């Protein structure tokens, strides 16, 4: 959906309808945040599968992942809409080309807080999970190499 909204965004913004542009910008913002949220959830899933291998039963795990994956980005977008729906709009770079318009976040501070900081936080979580998984794999590998030769089959 992120790709679809991104691809039709210039065409829809050429209609110069503020409501349509706000809707497209909201959808683009939401699906971008959702993509990074799901990426972050996948790193947590890898952590659970490779580090916390035993006794990790989480009741209704998929439902909780879906609520987090689709809900957290929705909360961010709703907060931006509640503060001011005019943060979303049509940013024209060139007046002579009707398809140069793009519906997106118009305020730099809102962009840095609701997109850049969000993606940076997801990147930090992914990096922490990656390092943890690598350390766990290294620990298991080094532990198996220290076994005496007569244990090997």
N, C-alpha and C. Protein backbone atom coordinates (compact mmCIF):
# COMPACT_ATOMS: atom_id res chain seq x y z
N UNK A 1 0.82 -1.21 0.00
CA UNK A 1 0.00 0.00 0.00
C UNK A 1 0.86 1.27 0.00
N UNK A 2 2.00 1.20 0.68
CA UNK A 2 2.90 2.35 0.66
C UNK A 2 3.33 2.67 -0.76
N UNK A 3 3.73 1.66 -1.50
CA UNK A 3 4.15 1.87 -2.89
C UNK A 3 3.00 2.40 -3.74
N UNK A 4 1.81 1.86 -3.56
CA UNK A 4 0.66 2.29 -4.35
C UNK A 4 0.34 3.76 -4.09
N UNK A 5 0.27 4.14 -2.82
CA UNK A 5 -0.04 5.53 -2.48
C UNK A 5 1.08 6.45 -2.97
N UNK A 6 2.32 6.01 -2.85
CA UNK A 6 3.44 6.82 -3.31
C UNK A 6 3.37 7.04 -4.82
N UNK A 7 3.00 6.01 -5.57
CA UNK A 7 2.96 6.12 -7.02
C UNK A 7 1.80 6.98 -7.54
N UNK A 8 0.65 6.92 -6.87
CA UNK A 8 -0.50 7.71 -7.35
C UNK A 8 -0.52 9.12 -6.73
N UNK A 9 0.37 9.38 -5.79
CA UNK A 9 0.38 10.67 -5.10
C UNK A 9 0.52 11.86 -6.05
N UNK A 10 1.49 11.90 -6.97
CA UNK A 10 1.60 13.07 -7.86
C UNK A 10 0.36 13.27 -8.74
N UNK A 11 -0.22 12.17 -9.20
CA UNK A 11 -1.41 12.26 -10.03
C UNK A 11 -2.59 12.81 -9.24
N UNK A 12 -2.80 12.31 -8.02
CA UNK A 12 -3.91 12.79 -7.20
C UNK A 12 -3.69 14.23 -6.74
N UNK A 13 -2.46 14.62 -6.50
CA UNK A 13 -2.21 16.00 -6.07
C UNK A 13 -2.44 16.99 -7.19
N UNK A 14 -2.40 16.53 -8.45
CA UNK A 14 -2.61 17.44 -9.58
C UNK A 14 -4.06 17.93 -9.68
N UNK A 15 -4.98 17.28 -8.95
CA UNK A 15 -6.38 17.72 -8.97
C UNK A 15 -6.62 18.97 -8.14
N UNK A 16 -5.62 19.36 -7.32
CA UNK A 16 -5.71 20.55 -6.47
C UNK A 16 -6.93 20.55 -5.57
N UNK A 17 -7.23 19.41 -4.99
CA UNK A 17 -8.31 19.27 -4.02
C UNK A 17 -7.67 19.10 -2.63
N UNK A 18 -7.82 20.10 -1.77
CA UNK A 18 -7.14 20.03 -0.46
C UNK A 18 -7.52 18.79 0.36
N UNK A 19 -8.78 18.41 0.35
CA UNK A 19 -9.20 17.24 1.12
C UNK A 19 -8.59 15.95 0.59
N UNK A 20 -8.54 15.83 -0.72
CA UNK A 20 -7.93 14.66 -1.34
C UNK A 20 -6.44 14.61 -1.03
N UNK A 21 -5.79 15.75 -1.09
CA UNK A 21 -4.36 15.81 -0.84
C UNK A 21 -4.05 15.46 0.63
N UNK A 22 -4.86 15.96 1.54
CA UNK A 22 -4.66 15.62 2.95
C UNK A 22 -4.85 14.13 3.16
N UNK A 23 -5.86 13.55 2.54
CA UNK A 23 -6.11 12.12 2.66
C UNK A 23 -4.94 11.31 2.12
N UNK A 24 -4.42 11.68 0.97
CA UNK A 24 -3.30 10.97 0.37
C UNK A 24 -2.05 11.12 1.25
N UNK A 25 -1.81 12.31 1.77
CA UNK A 25 -0.64 12.53 2.63
C UNK A 25 -0.77 11.73 3.92
N UNK A 26 -1.97 11.67 4.49
CA UNK A 26 -2.19 10.88 5.71
C UNK A 26 -1.94 9.40 5.42
N UNK A 27 -2.47 8.90 4.30
CA UNK A 27 -2.26 7.49 3.96
C UNK A 27 -0.77 7.20 3.72
N UNK A 28 -0.09 8.09 3.04
CA UNK A 28 1.33 7.90 2.79
C UNK A 28 2.11 7.88 4.11
N UNK A 29 1.81 8.80 4.98
CA UNK A 29 2.46 8.87 6.29
C UNK A 29 2.19 7.59 7.08
N UNK A 30 0.92 7.18 7.12
CA UNK A 30 0.53 5.99 7.88
C UNK A 30 1.23 4.74 7.35
N UNK A 31 1.21 4.51 6.05
CA UNK A 31 1.80 3.30 5.51
C UNK A 31 3.33 3.30 5.62
N UNK A 32 3.94 4.47 5.58
CA UNK A 32 5.39 4.54 5.79
C UNK A 32 5.73 4.14 7.22
N UNK A 33 5.01 4.68 8.19
CA UNK A 33 5.25 4.32 9.58
C UNK A 33 4.92 2.86 9.84
N UNK A 34 3.86 2.36 9.21
CA UNK A 34 3.48 0.95 9.39
C UNK A 34 4.57 0.03 8.85
N UNK A 35 5.17 0.38 7.72
CA UNK A 35 6.23 -0.46 7.15
C UNK A 35 7.41 -0.55 8.11
N UNK A 36 7.80 0.56 8.71
CA UNK A 36 8.91 0.54 9.64
C UNK A 36 8.54 -0.13 10.96
N UNK A 37 7.28 -0.01 11.36
CA UNK A 37 6.84 -0.69 12.57
C UNK A 37 6.88 -2.20 12.39
N UNK A 38 6.42 -2.67 11.24
CA UNK A 38 6.45 -4.11 10.97
C UNK A 38 7.89 -4.61 10.87
N UNK A 39 8.78 -3.80 10.32
CA UNK A 39 10.19 -4.19 10.26
C UNK A 39 10.75 -4.32 11.68
N UNK A 40 10.36 -3.42 12.54
CA UNK A 40 10.80 -3.48 13.93
C UNK A 40 10.22 -4.71 14.64
N UNK A 41 8.96 -5.01 14.39
CA UNK A 41 8.34 -6.19 14.98
C UNK A 41 9.01 -7.47 14.48
N UNK A 42 9.45 -7.47 13.23
CA UNK A 42 10.16 -8.64 12.71
C UNK A 42 11.48 -8.84 13.43
N UNK A 43 12.17 -7.76 13.78
CA UNK A 43 13.42 -7.92 14.53
C UNK A 43 13.15 -8.44 15.93
N UNK A 44 12.06 -8.01 16.54
CA UNK A 44 11.69 -8.55 17.85
C UNK A 44 11.35 -10.04 17.72
N UNK A 45 10.66 -10.40 16.63
CA UNK A 45 10.33 -11.80 16.39
C UNK A 45 11.61 -12.64 16.21
N UNK A 46 12.60 -12.12 15.49
CA UNK A 46 13.88 -12.82 15.33
C UNK A 46 14.57 -12.97 16.68
N UNK A 47 14.50 -11.96 17.50
CA UNK A 47 15.06 -12.04 18.85
C UNK A 47 14.40 -13.16 19.65
N UNK A 48 13.07 -13.20 19.61
CA UNK A 48 12.36 -14.24 20.35
C UNK A 48 12.68 -15.63 19.80
N UNK A 49 12.81 -15.76 18.50
CA UNK A 49 13.06 -17.06 17.89
C UNK A 49 14.50 -17.55 18.08
N UNK A 50 15.46 -16.64 18.09
CA UNK A 50 16.86 -17.06 18.14
C UNK A 50 17.52 -16.90 19.50
N UNK A 51 17.00 -16.04 20.34
CA UNK A 51 17.62 -15.83 21.65
C UNK A 51 16.77 -16.44 22.76
N UNK A 52 15.52 -16.11 22.79
CA UNK A 52 14.61 -16.65 23.80
C UNK A 52 13.88 -17.86 23.22
N UNK A 53 14.62 -18.90 22.92
CA UNK A 53 14.08 -20.02 22.17
C UNK A 53 13.04 -20.79 22.96
N UNK A 54 13.28 -21.02 24.22
CA UNK A 54 12.40 -21.85 25.03
C UNK A 54 11.50 -20.99 25.91
N UNK A 55 10.32 -21.50 26.18
CA UNK A 55 9.36 -20.85 27.07
C UNK A 55 9.03 -19.42 26.63
N UNK A 56 8.71 -19.25 25.36
CA UNK A 56 8.36 -17.91 24.88
C UNK A 56 6.92 -17.86 24.40
N UNK A 57 6.09 -18.74 24.89
CA UNK A 57 4.70 -18.71 24.47
C UNK A 57 4.07 -17.39 24.90
N UNK A 58 3.55 -16.68 23.94
CA UNK A 58 2.86 -15.42 24.20
C UNK A 58 1.43 -15.60 23.72
N UNK A 59 0.46 -15.54 24.63
CA UNK A 59 -0.94 -15.72 24.20
C UNK A 59 -1.35 -14.65 23.19
N UNK A 60 -2.02 -15.09 22.14
CA UNK A 60 -2.52 -14.21 21.09
C UNK A 60 -1.39 -13.34 20.51
N UNK A 61 -0.29 -13.98 20.19
CA UNK A 61 0.92 -13.30 19.71
C UNK A 61 0.66 -12.53 18.42
N UNK A 62 0.01 -13.18 17.45
CA UNK A 62 -0.24 -12.53 16.16
C UNK A 62 -1.18 -11.34 16.35
N UNK A 63 -2.19 -11.48 17.18
CA UNK A 63 -3.11 -10.37 17.43
C UNK A 63 -2.37 -9.18 18.05
N UNK A 64 -1.48 -9.46 18.98
CA UNK A 64 -0.71 -8.38 19.61
C UNK A 64 0.23 -7.72 18.60
N UNK A 65 0.84 -8.53 17.73
CA UNK A 65 1.70 -7.96 16.69
C UNK A 65 0.88 -7.09 15.74
N UNK A 66 -0.30 -7.55 15.37
CA UNK A 66 -1.15 -6.76 14.46
C UNK A 66 -1.60 -5.45 15.11
N UNK A 67 -1.95 -5.51 16.37
CA UNK A 67 -2.35 -4.29 17.07
C UNK A 67 -1.19 -3.31 17.12
N UNK A 68 0.01 -3.81 17.42
CA UNK A 68 1.18 -2.92 17.45
C UNK A 68 1.54 -2.45 16.05
N UNK A 69 1.56 -3.36 15.09
CA UNK A 69 1.99 -3.03 13.73
C UNK A 69 1.10 -2.04 13.02
N UNK A 70 -0.19 -2.15 13.25
CA UNK A 70 -1.12 -1.22 12.60
C UNK A 70 -1.58 -0.10 13.53
N UNK A 71 -1.51 -0.33 14.84
CA UNK A 71 -2.04 0.65 15.79
C UNK A 71 -1.09 1.78 16.15
N UNK A 72 0.19 1.46 16.35
CA UNK A 72 1.15 2.50 16.73
C UNK A 72 1.27 3.58 15.65
N UNK A 73 1.39 3.19 14.36
CA UNK A 73 1.41 4.25 13.34
C UNK A 73 0.11 5.05 13.28
N UNK A 74 -1.00 4.38 13.52
CA UNK A 74 -2.29 5.09 13.52
C UNK A 74 -2.34 6.13 14.63
N UNK A 75 -1.80 5.79 15.78
CA UNK A 75 -1.79 6.74 16.90
C UNK A 75 -0.96 7.97 16.53
N UNK A 76 0.20 7.77 15.92
CA UNK A 76 1.05 8.90 15.53
C UNK A 76 0.33 9.79 14.52
N UNK A 77 -0.27 9.19 13.52
CA UNK A 77 -0.97 9.97 12.50
C UNK A 77 -2.18 10.70 13.09
N UNK A 78 -2.92 10.04 13.96
CA UNK A 78 -4.08 10.68 14.59
C UNK A 78 -3.65 11.87 15.45
N UNK A 79 -2.54 11.72 16.16
CA UNK A 79 -2.04 12.84 16.96
C UNK A 79 -1.69 14.03 16.07
N UNK A 80 -1.03 13.76 14.94
CA UNK A 80 -0.70 14.86 14.02
C UNK A 80 -1.98 15.50 13.48
N UNK A 81 -2.98 14.68 13.15
CA UNK A 81 -4.25 15.23 12.65
C UNK A 81 -4.98 16.04 13.71
N UNK A 82 -4.93 15.58 14.95
CA UNK A 82 -5.61 16.30 16.04
C UNK A 82 -4.93 17.66 16.27
N UNK A 83 -3.61 17.67 16.23
CA UNK A 83 -2.90 18.94 16.46
C UNK A 83 -3.25 19.94 15.38
N UNK A 84 -3.10 19.54 14.11
CA UNK A 84 -3.47 20.43 13.00
C UNK A 84 -3.47 19.63 11.72
N UNK A 85 -4.64 19.49 11.11
CA UNK A 85 -4.73 18.72 9.87
C UNK A 85 -4.03 19.41 8.71
N UNK A 86 -3.76 20.70 8.86
CA UNK A 86 -3.07 21.43 7.80
C UNK A 86 -1.56 21.18 7.77
N UNK A 87 -1.06 20.32 8.68
CA UNK A 87 0.33 19.90 8.57
C UNK A 87 0.54 19.08 7.31
N UNK A 88 -0.55 18.45 6.85
CA UNK A 88 -0.52 17.71 5.59
C UNK A 88 -0.99 18.63 4.48
N UNK A 89 -0.37 18.51 3.32
CA UNK A 89 -0.80 19.35 2.22
C UNK A 89 -0.02 19.09 0.96
N UNK A 90 -0.14 20.04 0.04
CA UNK A 90 0.45 19.91 -1.28
C UNK A 90 1.66 20.82 -1.38
N UNK A 91 2.83 20.24 -1.50
CA UNK A 91 4.05 21.03 -1.62
C UNK A 91 4.49 21.10 -3.06
N UNK A 92 4.32 22.23 -3.68
CA UNK A 92 4.66 22.38 -5.09
C UNK A 92 6.10 22.82 -5.24
N UNK A 93 6.86 22.08 -6.06
CA UNK A 93 8.23 22.48 -6.34
C UNK A 93 8.32 23.31 -7.62
N UNK A 94 7.42 23.06 -8.56
CA UNK A 94 7.49 23.76 -9.85
C UNK A 94 6.07 24.07 -10.31
N UNK A 95 5.85 25.31 -10.69
CA UNK A 95 4.51 25.73 -11.10
C UNK A 95 4.16 25.27 -12.51
N UNK A 96 5.14 25.09 -13.40
CA UNK A 96 4.82 24.75 -14.79
C UNK A 96 4.58 23.26 -15.01
N UNK A 97 4.92 22.41 -14.06
CA UNK A 97 4.69 20.98 -14.19
C UNK A 97 3.62 20.54 -13.20
N UNK A 98 2.43 20.13 -13.68
CA UNK A 98 1.36 19.78 -12.76
C UNK A 98 1.65 18.54 -11.92
N UNK A 99 2.55 17.67 -12.37
CA UNK A 99 2.84 16.46 -11.62
C UNK A 99 4.04 16.61 -10.69
N UNK A 100 4.53 17.83 -10.52
CA UNK A 100 5.61 18.04 -9.58
C UNK A 100 5.07 18.20 -8.16
N UNK A 101 3.78 18.34 -8.03
CA UNK A 101 3.17 18.45 -6.71
C UNK A 101 3.19 17.10 -6.02
N UNK A 102 3.28 17.15 -4.70
CA UNK A 102 3.32 15.92 -3.94
C UNK A 102 2.66 16.18 -2.60
N UNK A 103 1.70 15.39 -2.25
CA UNK A 103 0.99 15.54 -0.98
C UNK A 103 1.80 14.87 0.13
N UNK A 104 2.20 15.67 1.10
CA UNK A 104 3.05 15.16 2.17
C UNK A 104 2.99 16.11 3.35
N UNK A 105 3.80 15.88 4.36
CA UNK A 105 3.84 16.73 5.55
C UNK A 105 4.52 18.04 5.17
N UNK A 106 3.87 19.15 5.51
CA UNK A 106 4.38 20.46 5.11
C UNK A 106 5.25 21.14 6.16
N UNK A 107 5.10 20.75 7.41
CA UNK A 107 5.84 21.38 8.50
C UNK A 107 7.10 20.55 8.80
N UNK A 108 8.25 21.20 8.78
CA UNK A 108 9.51 20.48 9.01
C UNK A 108 9.60 19.85 10.39
N UNK A 109 9.14 20.55 11.42
CA UNK A 109 9.23 20.02 12.77
C UNK A 109 8.37 18.76 12.91
N UNK A 110 7.18 18.80 12.35
CA UNK A 110 6.30 17.62 12.39
C UNK A 110 6.95 16.47 11.63
N UNK A 111 7.57 16.77 10.50
CA UNK A 111 8.26 15.74 9.73
C UNK A 111 9.38 15.11 10.53
N UNK A 112 10.21 15.92 11.19
CA UNK A 112 11.34 15.39 11.94
C UNK A 112 10.89 14.57 13.15
N UNK A 113 9.80 14.99 13.78
CA UNK A 113 9.34 14.27 14.96
C UNK A 113 8.57 13.00 14.58
N UNK A 114 7.63 13.12 13.64
CA UNK A 114 6.74 12.00 13.36
C UNK A 114 7.27 11.03 12.30
N UNK A 115 8.33 11.39 11.59
CA UNK A 115 8.88 10.47 10.59
C UNK A 115 10.33 10.13 10.93
N UNK A 116 11.18 11.13 10.98
CA UNK A 116 12.61 10.88 11.17
C UNK A 116 12.88 10.26 12.54
N UNK A 117 12.31 10.82 13.60
CA UNK A 117 12.52 10.27 14.94
C UNK A 117 11.93 8.87 15.06
N UNK A 118 10.78 8.66 14.45
CA UNK A 118 10.13 7.34 14.47
C UNK A 118 11.01 6.30 13.77
N UNK A 119 11.51 6.63 12.60
CA UNK A 119 12.37 5.71 11.86
C UNK A 119 13.69 5.49 12.59
N UNK A 120 14.23 6.53 13.20
CA UNK A 120 15.45 6.40 13.98
C UNK A 120 15.24 5.47 15.17
N UNK A 121 14.10 5.58 15.84
CA UNK A 121 13.79 4.71 16.96
C UNK A 121 13.67 3.25 16.48
N UNK A 122 13.01 3.03 15.35
CA UNK A 122 12.92 1.68 14.79
C UNK A 122 14.30 1.16 14.43
N UNK A 123 15.15 2.02 13.89
CA UNK A 123 16.52 1.63 13.56
C UNK A 123 17.30 1.23 14.81
N UNK A 124 17.14 1.97 15.89
CA UNK A 124 17.83 1.63 17.14
C UNK A 124 17.37 0.28 17.68
N UNK A 125 16.07 0.03 17.65
CA UNK A 125 15.55 -1.26 18.12
C UNK A 125 16.09 -2.39 17.24
N UNK A 126 16.05 -2.18 15.92
CA UNK A 126 16.58 -3.20 15.00
C UNK A 126 18.06 -3.45 15.25
N UNK A 127 18.83 -2.41 15.46
CA UNK A 127 20.26 -2.57 15.71
C UNK A 127 20.50 -3.31 17.02
N UNK A 128 19.76 -2.97 18.05
CA UNK A 128 19.90 -3.66 19.34
C UNK A 128 19.54 -5.14 19.21
N UNK A 129 18.48 -5.44 18.51
CA UNK A 129 18.09 -6.85 18.32
C UNK A 129 19.13 -7.58 17.48
N UNK A 130 19.65 -6.94 16.45
CA UNK A 130 20.66 -7.55 15.59
C UNK A 130 21.92 -7.89 16.39
N UNK A 131 22.38 -6.95 17.18
CA UNK A 131 23.58 -7.18 17.99
C UNK A 131 23.34 -8.29 19.00
N UNK A 132 22.17 -8.28 19.63
CA UNK A 132 21.84 -9.32 20.60
C UNK A 132 21.81 -10.70 19.95
N UNK A 133 21.20 -10.80 18.77
CA UNK A 133 21.14 -12.08 18.06
C UNK A 133 22.55 -12.52 17.65
N UNK A 134 23.37 -11.59 17.15
CA UNK A 134 24.73 -11.94 16.77
C UNK A 134 25.54 -12.43 17.97
N UNK A 135 25.40 -11.77 19.10
CA UNK A 135 26.11 -12.20 20.30
C UNK A 135 25.64 -13.58 20.76
N UNK A 136 24.35 -13.83 20.66
CA UNK A 136 23.82 -15.14 21.04
C UNK A 136 24.36 -16.23 20.13
N UNK A 137 24.39 -15.97 18.83
CA UNK A 137 24.92 -16.94 17.87
C UNK A 137 26.40 -17.18 18.14
N UNK A 138 27.14 -16.12 18.40
CA UNK A 138 28.57 -16.25 18.71
C UNK A 138 28.77 -17.05 19.99
N UNK A 139 27.96 -16.81 21.00
CA UNK A 139 28.07 -17.51 22.28
C UNK A 139 27.79 -19.00 22.08
N UNK A 140 26.75 -19.33 21.34
CA UNK A 140 26.42 -20.74 21.10
C UNK A 140 27.52 -21.41 20.30
N UNK A 141 28.03 -20.72 19.30
CA UNK A 141 29.10 -21.29 18.46
C UNK A 141 30.37 -21.51 19.28
N UNK A 142 30.76 -20.56 20.09
CA UNK A 142 31.98 -20.70 20.89
C UNK A 142 31.80 -21.77 21.97
N UNK A 143 30.60 -21.93 22.47
CA UNK A 143 30.34 -22.95 23.49
C UNK A 143 30.44 -24.34 22.89
N UNK A 144 29.95 -24.53 21.66
CA UNK A 144 30.02 -25.84 21.03
C UNK A 144 31.44 -26.17 20.59
N UNK A 145 32.27 -25.18 20.30
CA UNK A 145 33.65 -25.44 19.89
C UNK A 145 34.53 -25.81 21.08
N UNK A 146 34.13 -25.46 22.29
CA UNK A 146 34.92 -25.77 23.48
C UNK A 146 34.66 -27.18 24.00
N UNK A 147 33.72 -27.92 23.43
CA UNK A 147 33.44 -29.29 23.88
C UNK A 147 34.63 -30.19 23.58
N UNK A 148 34.84 -31.19 24.41
CA UNK A 148 35.91 -32.16 24.13
C UNK A 148 35.59 -32.93 22.83
N UNK A 149 36.63 -33.46 22.19
CA UNK A 149 36.49 -34.15 20.91
C UNK A 149 35.67 -35.42 21.03
N UNK A 150 35.71 -36.09 22.14
CA UNK A 150 34.98 -37.36 22.25
C UNK A 150 33.46 -37.17 22.30
N UNK A 151 32.95 -35.94 22.47
CA UNK A 151 31.51 -35.69 22.43
C UNK A 151 31.00 -35.61 21.01
N UNK A 152 31.86 -35.32 20.06
CA UNK A 152 31.42 -35.17 18.67
C UNK A 152 31.14 -36.54 18.07
N UNK A 153 30.14 -36.61 17.24
CA UNK A 153 29.79 -37.87 16.58
C UNK A 153 30.40 -37.97 15.22
